[in-house]
Protein backbone atom coordinates (compact mmCIF):
# COMPACT_ATOMS: atom_id res chain seq x y z
CA MET A 1 56.75 77.61 58.77
CA ALA A 2 53.89 77.66 56.25
CA SER A 3 54.94 78.39 52.70
CA ALA A 4 54.31 81.90 51.46
CA VAL A 5 54.36 80.66 47.87
CA THR A 6 52.35 78.37 45.63
CA TYR A 7 53.78 77.75 42.18
CA ARG A 8 51.93 77.46 38.90
CA PRO A 9 52.65 73.94 37.58
CA GLU A 10 54.06 75.37 34.34
CA LEU A 11 56.25 78.24 35.52
CA TYR A 12 57.51 80.89 33.15
CA LEU A 13 61.26 81.18 33.58
CA GLY A 14 63.66 83.92 32.67
CA ASP A 15 66.47 83.09 30.26
CA SER A 16 69.02 82.76 33.06
CA ILE A 17 66.93 80.34 35.16
CA ASN A 18 67.46 76.69 34.25
CA GLY A 19 66.08 73.49 35.78
CA LYS A 20 68.97 72.93 38.19
CA LYS A 21 68.90 76.53 39.29
CA LEU A 22 65.11 76.43 39.71
CA ASP A 23 65.21 73.66 42.32
CA LYS A 24 67.85 75.53 44.27
CA ILE A 25 65.90 78.80 44.07
CA MET A 26 62.67 77.17 45.25
CA LYS A 27 64.45 75.62 48.24
CA LYS A 28 65.98 78.98 49.15
CA LEU A 29 62.60 80.68 48.91
CA GLU A 30 61.13 78.11 51.26
CA LYS A 31 63.88 78.30 53.87
CA ARG A 32 65.57 81.70 53.60
CA PRO A 33 63.95 84.11 51.12
CA LEU A 34 66.30 86.92 52.10
CA LEU A 35 69.10 85.12 50.30
CA SER A 36 67.28 84.20 47.11
CA GLY A 37 68.24 87.17 44.90
CA VAL A 38 65.50 86.58 42.30
CA PHE A 39 62.31 88.28 41.16
CA LEU A 40 58.89 86.68 41.19
CA ILE A 41 55.91 87.30 38.94
CA ALA A 42 52.74 86.55 40.85
CA ILE A 43 49.00 86.88 40.45
CA SER A 44 48.04 90.13 42.17
CA HIS A 45 45.80 90.07 45.23
CA SER A 46 44.41 93.42 44.08
CA ALA A 47 41.25 93.40 41.99
CA SER A 48 42.55 96.33 39.95
CA ASP A 49 45.91 94.73 39.07
CA GLN A 50 46.71 91.51 37.26
CA LEU A 51 50.31 90.71 38.12
CA ASP A 52 52.87 91.78 40.67
CA ILE A 53 56.62 91.75 40.15
CA LEU A 54 58.49 91.57 43.42
CA ASP A 55 61.91 90.90 44.77
CA ALA A 56 61.71 87.48 46.41
CA ARG A 57 63.27 88.92 49.56
CA GLN A 58 59.87 90.49 50.24
CA LEU A 59 58.62 87.00 51.15
CA ALA A 60 60.26 87.51 54.55
CA GLN A 61 57.50 90.01 55.38
CA SER A 62 54.72 88.67 57.57
CA TYR A 63 52.10 89.84 55.02
CA TYR A 64 52.99 86.93 52.72
CA LYS A 65 52.47 84.36 55.46
CA LYS A 66 48.90 85.60 55.78
CA TYR A 67 48.40 86.16 52.02
CA PRO A 68 50.53 83.62 50.12
CA LEU A 69 51.59 84.32 46.55
CA TYR A 70 50.62 82.33 43.49
CA VAL A 71 53.82 82.56 41.46
CA VAL A 72 53.60 82.22 37.68
CA GLY A 73 57.17 83.18 36.80
CA ILE A 74 60.70 83.47 38.15
CA ALA A 75 63.44 85.71 36.79
CA ALA A 76 67.00 86.54 37.77
CA ASP A 77 66.43 90.30 37.85
CA ARG A 78 63.79 92.97 37.29
CA GLU A 79 64.62 93.45 33.61
CA GLU A 80 64.23 89.74 32.95
CA ALA A 81 60.92 89.77 34.86
CA LEU A 82 59.63 92.57 32.64
CA LYS A 83 60.55 90.56 29.55
CA LEU A 84 58.62 87.59 30.96
CA VAL A 85 55.57 89.77 31.50
CA GLU A 86 55.82 90.96 27.88
CA ARG A 87 55.91 87.32 26.78
CA LEU A 88 52.88 86.50 28.95
CA VAL A 89 50.90 89.39 27.49
CA GLN A 90 51.78 88.34 23.94
CA GLU A 91 50.77 84.72 24.60
CA CYS A 92 47.52 85.81 26.21
CA LEU A 93 46.70 88.08 23.28
CA GLU A 94 47.35 85.28 20.81
CA ALA A 95 45.37 82.69 22.80
CA ARG A 96 42.41 84.79 23.95
CA GLY A 97 42.45 88.00 21.95
CA ASP A 98 42.56 90.03 25.19
CA CYS A 99 44.85 90.74 28.12
CA ALA A 100 42.92 88.98 30.88
CA LEU A 101 46.12 87.59 32.35
CA LYS A 102 44.62 86.33 35.61
CA GLU A 103 42.04 84.23 33.78
CA TYR A 104 44.62 83.03 31.25
CA LEU A 105 47.15 81.96 33.89
CA LEU A 106 44.67 80.40 36.30
CA CYS A 107 42.90 78.14 33.81
């Protein structure tokens, strides 16, 4: 099965995701995404959006085999994912002076 996920080399991680847990999560996402129980922050495929926050269980949908995700962050739950997005926006503002998150995260 082709992977439905590509990971940014320097992933943003929620507070409850550590290195050991990350390896386990990534393996689960590859083999059985329905059991992962985490949220992903990914670059949006939409031209009008910058990021998507989705429950990793959505990777089981055939759409993601055709249109793989570029994941920039992993969080344990939706609230933690929102905090990561806040952090990303703040970093982007400080680094670039704008909120062009796609450009910031893809460079």
